[in-house]
Amino acid sequence: MSTDKVVVSDTVRITVKFKDIDSNGIEVDLQPVSVSVIIKNSSNAVVVSESADSLTQSIYYYDYTPPIS
């Protein structure tokens, strides 16, 4: 996990690449049908529950801007 600080109104891009290892031990890209993003606060309450956007068939992202609370 990064130790960089995020402040209110800074947008953070969360990116994930889905991969697997095939029967020959070769890393292959996975192609999920859909990807959900769930972000919880320090009280474990859900603050975001949305679908991620795709960059490719195996790479998805979500841009998050923390609200003023």
PDB file of N, CA and C in Angstrom:
ATOM      1  N   MET A   1       0.832  -1.168   0.000  1.00  0.00           N
ATOM      2  CA  MET A   1       0.000   0.000   0.000  1.00  0.00           C
ATOM      3  C   MET A   1       0.883   1.240   0.000  1.00  0.00           C
ATOM      4  N   SER A   2       0.468   2.251  -0.719  1.00  0.00           N
ATOM      5  CA  SER A   2       1.245   3.481  -0.825  1.00  0.00           C
ATOM      6  C   SER A   2       1.126   4.315   0.441  1.00  0.00           C
ATOM      7  N   THR A   3       2.163   5.064   0.732  1.00  0.00           N
ATOM      8  CA  THR A   3       2.121   5.964   1.881  1.00  0.00           C
ATOM      9  C   THR A   3       1.843   7.400   1.454  1.00  0.00           C
ATOM     10  N   ASP A   4       1.600   7.604   0.158  1.00  0.00           N
ATOM     11  CA  ASP A   4       1.274   8.948  -0.315  1.00  0.00           C
ATOM     12  C   ASP A   4      -0.043   9.398   0.284  1.00  0.00           C
ATOM     13  N   LYS A   5      -0.114  10.685   0.623  1.00  0.00           N
ATOM     14  CA  LYS A   5      -1.332  11.227   1.197  1.00  0.00           C
ATOM     15  C   LYS A   5      -2.251  11.724   0.089  1.00  0.00           C
ATOM     16  N   VAL A   6      -3.537  11.484   0.272  1.00  0.00           N
ATOM     17  CA  VAL A   6      -4.553  11.972  -0.650  1.00  0.00           C
ATOM     18  C   VAL A   6      -5.369  13.002   0.110  1.00  0.00           C
ATOM     19  N   VAL A   7      -5.547  14.142  -0.507  1.00  0.00           N
ATOM     20  CA  VAL A   7      -6.340  15.175   0.150  1.00  0.00           C
ATOM     21  C   VAL A   7      -7.669  15.327  -0.568  1.00  0.00           C
ATOM     22  N   VAL A   8      -8.608  15.960   0.116  1.00  0.00           N
ATOM     23  CA  VAL A   8      -9.926  16.196  -0.462  1.00  0.00           C
ATOM     24  C   VAL A   8      -9.763  16.923  -1.785  1.00  0.00           C
ATOM     25  N   SER A   9     -10.529  16.530  -2.754  1.00  0.00           N
ATOM     26  CA  SER A   9     -10.554  17.083  -4.107  1.00  0.00           C
ATOM     27  C   SER A   9      -9.426  16.566  -5.000  1.00  0.00           C
ATOM     28  N   ASP A  10      -8.500  15.760  -4.481  1.00  0.00           N
ATOM     29  CA  ASP A  10      -7.516  15.086  -5.332  1.00  0.00           C
ATOM     30  C   ASP A  10      -8.175  13.844  -5.919  1.00  0.00           C
ATOM     31  N   THR A  11      -8.040  13.649  -7.201  1.00  0.00           N
ATOM     32  CA  THR A  11      -8.596  12.452  -7.827  1.00  0.00           C
ATOM     33  C   THR A  11      -7.530  11.371  -7.873  1.00  0.00           C
ATOM     34  N   VAL A  12      -7.919  10.186  -7.443  1.00  0.00           N
ATOM     35  CA  VAL A  12      -7.035   9.028  -7.425  1.00  0.00           C
ATOM     36  C   VAL A  12      -7.560   8.026  -8.443  1.00  0.00           C
ATOM     37  N   ARG A  13      -6.693   7.541  -9.312  1.00  0.00           N
ATOM     38  CA  ARG A  13      -7.100   6.504 -10.263  1.00  0.00           C
ATOM     39  C   ARG A  13      -6.675   5.152  -9.713  1.00  0.00           C
ATOM     40  N   ILE A  14      -7.656   4.307  -9.486  1.00  0.00           N
ATOM     41  CA  ILE A  14      -7.418   2.938  -9.036  1.00  0.00           C
ATOM     42  C   ILE A  14      -7.436   2.071 -10.295  1.00  0.00           C
ATOM     43  N   THR A  15      -6.326   1.380 -10.549  1.00  0.00           N
ATOM     44  CA  THR A  15      -6.213   0.555 -11.750  1.00  0.00           C
ATOM     45  C   THR A  15      -5.850  -0.868 -11.350  1.00  0.00           C
ATOM     46  N   VAL A  16      -6.471  -1.834 -12.016  1.00  0.00           N
ATOM     47  CA  VAL A  16      -6.167  -3.238 -11.743  1.00  0.00           C
ATOM     48  C   VAL A  16      -6.095  -3.995 -13.065  1.00  0.00           C
ATOM     49  N   LYS A  17      -5.135  -4.921 -13.134  1.00  0.00           N
ATOM     50  CA  LYS A  17      -5.003  -5.788 -14.304  1.00  0.00           C
ATOM     51  C   LYS A  17      -5.245  -7.218 -13.846  1.00  0.00           C
ATOM     52  N   PHE A  18      -6.192  -7.880 -14.474  1.00  0.00           N
ATOM     53  CA  PHE A  18      -6.555  -9.239 -14.108  1.00  0.00           C
ATOM     54  C   PHE A  18      -5.718 -10.225 -14.908  1.00  0.00           C
ATOM     55  N   LYS A  19      -5.025 -11.128 -14.170  1.00  0.00           N
ATOM     56  CA  LYS A  19      -4.152 -12.127 -14.798  1.00  0.00           C
ATOM     57  C   LYS A  19      -4.347 -13.471 -14.125  1.00  0.00           C
ATOM     58  N   ASP A  20      -3.929 -14.499 -14.811  1.00  0.00           N
ATOM     59  CA  ASP A  20      -3.970 -15.856 -14.286  1.00  0.00           C
ATOM     60  C   ASP A  20      -2.752 -16.597 -14.830  1.00  0.00           C
ATOM     61  N   ILE A  21      -2.522 -17.781 -14.340  1.00  0.00           N
ATOM     62  CA  ILE A  21      -1.457 -18.649 -14.835  1.00  0.00           C
ATOM     63  C   ILE A  21      -2.133 -19.849 -15.502  1.00  0.00           C
ATOM     64  N   ASP A  22      -1.801 -20.094 -16.771  1.00  0.00           N
ATOM     65  CA  ASP A  22      -2.420 -21.224 -17.469  1.00  0.00           C
ATOM     66  C   ASP A  22      -1.745 -22.538 -17.068  1.00  0.00           C
ATOM     67  N   SER A  23      -2.215 -23.635 -17.640  1.00  0.00           N
ATOM     68  CA  SER A  23      -1.706 -24.971 -17.271  1.00  0.00           C
ATOM     69  C   SER A  23      -0.238 -25.167 -17.635  1.00  0.00           C
ATOM     70  N   ASN A  24       0.313 -24.311 -18.505  1.00  0.00           N
ATOM     71  CA  ASN A  24       1.727 -24.395 -18.876  1.00  0.00           C
ATOM     72  C   ASN A  24       2.599 -23.466 -18.038  1.00  0.00           C
ATOM     73  N   GLY A  25       1.988 -22.800 -17.060  1.00  0.00           N
ATOM     74  CA  GLY A  25       2.739 -21.885 -16.206  1.00  0.00           C
ATOM     75  C   GLY A  25       2.962 -20.522 -16.827  1.00  0.00           C
ATOM     76  N   ILE A  26       2.228 -20.215 -17.887  1.00  0.00           N
ATOM     77  CA  ILE A  26       2.372 -18.926 -18.570  1.00  0.00           C
ATOM     78  C   ILE A  26       1.309 -17.961 -18.073  1.00  0.00           C
ATOM     79  N   GLU A  27       1.736 -16.741 -17.794  1.00  0.00           N
ATOM     80  CA  GLU A  27       0.802 -15.713 -17.331  1.00  0.00           C
ATOM     81  C   GLU A  27      -0.072 -15.268 -18.500  1.00  0.00           C
ATOM     82  N   VAL A  28      -1.391 -15.274 -18.283  1.00  0.00           N
ATOM     83  CA  VAL A  28      -2.346 -14.871 -19.323  1.00  0.00           C
ATOM     84  C   VAL A  28      -3.307 -13.837 -18.746  1.00  0.00           C
ATOM     85  N   ASP A  29      -3.770 -12.939 -19.605  1.00  0.00           N
ATOM     86  CA  ASP A  29      -4.736 -11.937 -19.187  1.00  0.00           C
ATOM     87  C   ASP A  29      -6.110 -12.581 -19.030  1.00  0.00           C
ATOM     88  N   LEU A  30      -6.816 -12.177 -17.968  1.00  0.00           N
ATOM     89  CA  LEU A  30      -8.203 -12.590 -17.786  1.00  0.00           C
ATOM     90  C   LEU A  30      -9.097 -11.526 -18.389  1.00  0.00           C
ATOM     91  N   GLN A  31     -10.290 -11.899 -18.778  1.00  0.00           N
ATOM     92  CA  GLN A  31     -11.236 -10.967 -19.375  1.00  0.00           C
ATOM     93  C   GLN A  31     -12.554 -11.030 -18.605  1.00  0.00           C
ATOM     94  N   PRO A  32     -12.627 -10.337 -17.458  1.00  0.00           N
ATOM     95  CA  PRO A  32     -13.856 -10.383 -16.671  1.00  0.00           C
ATOM     96  C   PRO A  32     -15.023  -9.736 -17.424  1.00  0.00           C
ATOM     97  N   VAL A  33     -16.223 -10.192 -17.125  1.00  0.00           N
ATOM     98  CA  VAL A  33     -17.425  -9.646 -17.755  1.00  0.00           C
ATOM     99  C   VAL A  33     -17.718  -8.258 -17.200  1.00  0.00           C
ATOM    100  N   SER A  34     -17.590  -8.108 -15.894  1.00  0.00           N
ATOM    101  CA  SER A  34     -17.776  -6.801 -15.262  1.00  0.00           C
ATOM    102  C   SER A  34     -16.921  -6.733 -14.007  1.00  0.00           C
ATOM    103  N   VAL A  35     -16.589  -5.511 -13.606  1.00  0.00           N
ATOM    104  CA  VAL A  35     -15.749  -5.298 -12.427  1.00  0.00           C
ATOM    105  C   VAL A  35     -16.429  -4.252 -11.547  1.00  0.00           C
ATOM    106  N   SER A  36     -16.602  -4.575 -10.273  1.00  0.00           N
ATOM    107  CA  SER A  36     -17.208  -3.649  -9.316  1.00  0.00           C
ATOM    108  C   SER A  36     -16.142  -3.072  -8.406  1.00  0.00           C
ATOM    109  N   VAL A  37     -16.327  -1.806  -8.047  1.00  0.00           N
ATOM    110  CA  VAL A  37     -15.436  -1.124  -7.111  1.00  0.00           C
ATOM    111  C   VAL A  37     -16.241  -0.815  -5.860  1.00  0.00           C
ATOM    112  N   ILE A  38     -15.720  -1.236  -4.712  1.00  0.00           N
ATOM    113  CA  ILE A  38     -16.350  -0.907  -3.436  1.00  0.00           C
ATOM    114  C   ILE A  38     -15.284  -0.245  -2.575  1.00  0.00           C
ATOM    115  N   ILE A  39     -15.559   0.983  -2.137  1.00  0.00           N
ATOM    116  CA  ILE A  39     -14.645   1.724  -1.271  1.00  0.00           C
ATOM    117  C   ILE A  39     -15.363   1.946   0.047  1.00  0.00           C
ATOM    118  N   LYS A  40     -14.657   1.621   1.141  1.00  0.00           N
ATOM    119  CA  LYS A  40     -15.231   1.783   2.481  1.00  0.00           C
ATOM    120  C   LYS A  40     -14.420   2.805   3.266  1.00  0.00           C
ATOM    121  N   ASN A  41     -15.079   3.481   4.189  1.00  0.00           N
ATOM    122  CA  ASN A  41     -14.378   4.432   5.045  1.00  0.00           C
ATOM    123  C   ASN A  41     -13.806   3.710   6.261  1.00  0.00           C
ATOM    124  N   SER A  42     -13.204   4.457   7.170  1.00  0.00           N
ATOM    125  CA  SER A  42     -12.551   3.850   8.334  1.00  0.00           C
ATOM    126  C   SER A  42     -13.536   3.168   9.282  1.00  0.00           C
ATOM    127  N   SER A  43     -14.815   3.474   9.153  1.00  0.00           N
ATOM    128  CA  SER A  43     -15.852   2.814   9.955  1.00  0.00           C
ATOM    129  C   SER A  43     -16.437   1.602   9.241  1.00  0.00           C
ATOM    130  N   ASN A  44     -15.843   1.247   8.111  1.00  0.00           N
ATOM    131  CA  ASN A  44     -16.261   0.111   7.297  1.00  0.00           C
ATOM    132  C   ASN A  44     -17.601   0.339   6.592  1.00  0.00           C
ATOM    133  N   ALA A  45     -18.032   1.586   6.496  1.00  0.00           N
ATOM    134  CA  ALA A  45     -19.255   1.911   5.766  1.00  0.00           C
ATOM    135  C   ALA A  45     -18.910   2.131   4.288  1.00  0.00           C
ATOM    136  N   VAL A  46     -19.746   1.627   3.412  1.00  0.00           N
ATOM    137  CA  VAL A  46     -19.513   1.763   1.976  1.00  0.00           C
ATOM    138  C   VAL A  46     -19.756   3.214   1.554  1.00  0.00           C
ATOM    139  N   VAL A  47     -18.758   3.819   0.910  1.00  0.00           N
ATOM    140  CA  VAL A  47     -18.901   5.188   0.405  1.00  0.00           C
ATOM    141  C   VAL A  47     -18.992   5.202  -1.120  1.00  0.00           C
ATOM    142  N   VAL A  48     -18.529   4.127  -1.767  1.00  0.00           N
ATOM    143  CA  VAL A  48     -18.637   3.988  -3.222  1.00  0.00           C
ATOM    144  C   VAL A  48     -18.933   2.527  -3.535  1.00  0.00           C
ATOM    145  N   SER A  49     -19.892   2.324  -4.403  1.00  0.00           N
ATOM    146  CA  SER A  49     -20.184   0.999  -4.942  1.00  0.00           C
ATOM    147  C   SER A  49     -20.609   1.215  -6.390  1.00  0.00           C
ATOM    148  N   GLU A  50     -19.648   1.067  -7.298  1.00  0.00           N
ATOM    149  CA  GLU A  50     -19.866   1.390  -8.709  1.00  0.00           C
ATOM    150  C   GLU A  50     -19.152   0.376  -9.594  1.00  0.00           C
ATOM    151  N   SER A  51     -19.439   0.459 -10.863  1.00  0.00           N
ATOM    152  CA  SER A  51     -18.725  -0.353 -11.844  1.00  0.00           C
ATOM    153  C   SER A  51     -17.469   0.373 -12.292  1.00  0.00           C
ATOM    154  N   ALA A  52     -16.420  -0.398 -12.547  1.00  0.00           N
ATOM    155  CA  ALA A  52     -15.176   0.169 -13.059  1.00  0.00           C
ATOM    156  C   ALA A  52     -15.282   0.318 -14.577  1.00  0.00           C
ATOM    157  N   ASP A  53     -14.463   1.194 -15.129  1.00  0.00           N
ATOM    158  CA  ASP A  53     -14.372   1.387 -16.579  1.00  0.00           C
ATOM    159  C   ASP A  53     -13.214   0.551 -17.104  1.00  0.00           C
ATOM    160  N   SER A  54     -13.331   0.088 -18.346  1.00  0.00           N
ATOM    161  CA  SER A  54     -12.251  -0.738 -18.888  1.00  0.00           C
ATOM    162  C   SER A  54     -11.344   0.068 -19.811  1.00  0.00           C
ATOM    163  N   LEU A  55     -10.045  -0.183 -19.669  1.00  0.00           N
ATOM    164  CA  LEU A  55      -9.044   0.351 -20.599  1.00  0.00           C
ATOM    165  C   LEU A  55      -8.781  -0.667 -21.698  1.00  0.00           C
ATOM    166  N   THR A  56      -8.712  -1.947 -21.296  1.00  0.00           N
ATOM    167  CA  THR A  56      -8.577  -3.072 -22.222  1.00  0.00           C
ATOM    168  C   THR A  56      -9.476  -4.178 -21.691  1.00  0.00           C
ATOM    169  N   GLN A  57      -9.427  -5.352 -22.291  1.00  0.00           N
ATOM    170  CA  GLN A  57     -10.260  -6.455 -21.818  1.00  0.00           C
ATOM    171  C   GLN A  57      -9.828  -6.968 -20.450  1.00  0.00           C
ATOM    172  N   SER A  58      -8.596  -6.665 -20.034  1.00  0.00           N
ATOM    173  CA  SER A  58      -8.123  -7.166 -18.738  1.00  0.00           C
ATOM    174  C   SER A  58      -7.740  -6.052 -17.759  1.00  0.00           C
ATOM    175  N   ILE A  59      -7.738  -4.792 -18.197  1.00  0.00           N
ATOM    176  CA  ILE A  59      -7.367  -3.674 -17.327  1.00  0.00           C
ATOM    177  C   ILE A  59      -8.583  -2.776 -17.103  1.00  0.00           C
ATOM    178  N   TYR A  60      -8.883  -2.560 -15.830  1.00  0.00           N
ATOM    179  CA  TYR A  60     -10.018  -1.724 -15.444  1.00  0.00           C
ATOM    180  C   TYR A  60      -9.543  -0.612 -14.521  1.00  0.00           C
ATOM    181  N   TYR A  61     -10.293   0.512 -14.505  1.00  0.00           N
ATOM    182  CA  TYR A  61      -9.935   1.620 -13.630  1.00  0.00           C
ATOM    183  C   TYR A  61     -11.179   2.292 -13.070  1.00  0.00           C
ATOM    184  N   TYR A  62     -10.966   3.019 -11.987  1.00  0.00           N
ATOM    185  CA  TYR A  62     -12.014   3.839 -11.389  1.00  0.00           C
ATOM    186  C   TYR A  62     -11.350   5.105 -10.856  1.00  0.00           C
ATOM    187  N   ASP A  63     -11.871   6.263 -11.251  1.00  0.00           N
ATOM    188  CA  ASP A  63     -11.362   7.539 -10.740  1.00  0.00           C
ATOM    189  C   ASP A  63     -12.192   7.944  -9.531  1.00  0.00           C
ATOM    190  N   TYR A  64     -11.515   8.152  -8.404  1.00  0.00           N
ATOM    191  CA  TYR A  64     -12.195   8.478  -7.142  1.00  0.00           C
ATOM    192  C   TYR A  64     -11.694   9.804  -6.605  1.00  0.00           C
ATOM    193  N   THR A  65     -12.621  10.669  -6.255  1.00  0.00           N
ATOM    194  CA  THR A  65     -12.292  11.938  -5.609  1.00  0.00           C
ATOM    195  C   THR A  65     -12.934  11.939  -4.235  1.00  0.00           C
ATOM    196  N   PRO A  66     -12.114  11.923  -3.167  1.00  0.00           N
ATOM    197  CA  PRO A  66     -12.681  11.905  -1.807  1.00  0.00           C
ATOM    198  C   PRO A  66     -13.530  13.165  -1.562  1.00  0.00           C
ATOM    199  N   PRO A  67     -14.705  12.969  -0.972  1.00  0.00           N
ATOM    200  CA  PRO A  67     -15.576  14.111  -0.701  1.00  0.00           C
ATOM    201  C   PRO A  67     -15.141  14.860   0.562  1.00  0.00           C
ATOM    202  N   ILE A  68     -15.631  16.061   0.688  1.00  0.00           N
ATOM    203  CA  ILE A  68     -15.446  16.810   1.929  1.00  0.00           C
ATOM    204  C   ILE A  68     -16.434  16.262   2.932  1.00  0.00           C
ATOM    205  N   SER A  69     -15.933  15.815   4.113  1.00  0.00           N
ATOM    206  CA  SER A  69     -16.854  15.287   5.110  1.00  0.00           C
ATOM    207  C   SER A  69     -16.712  15.971   6.433  1.00  0.00           C
TER     208      SER A  69
END
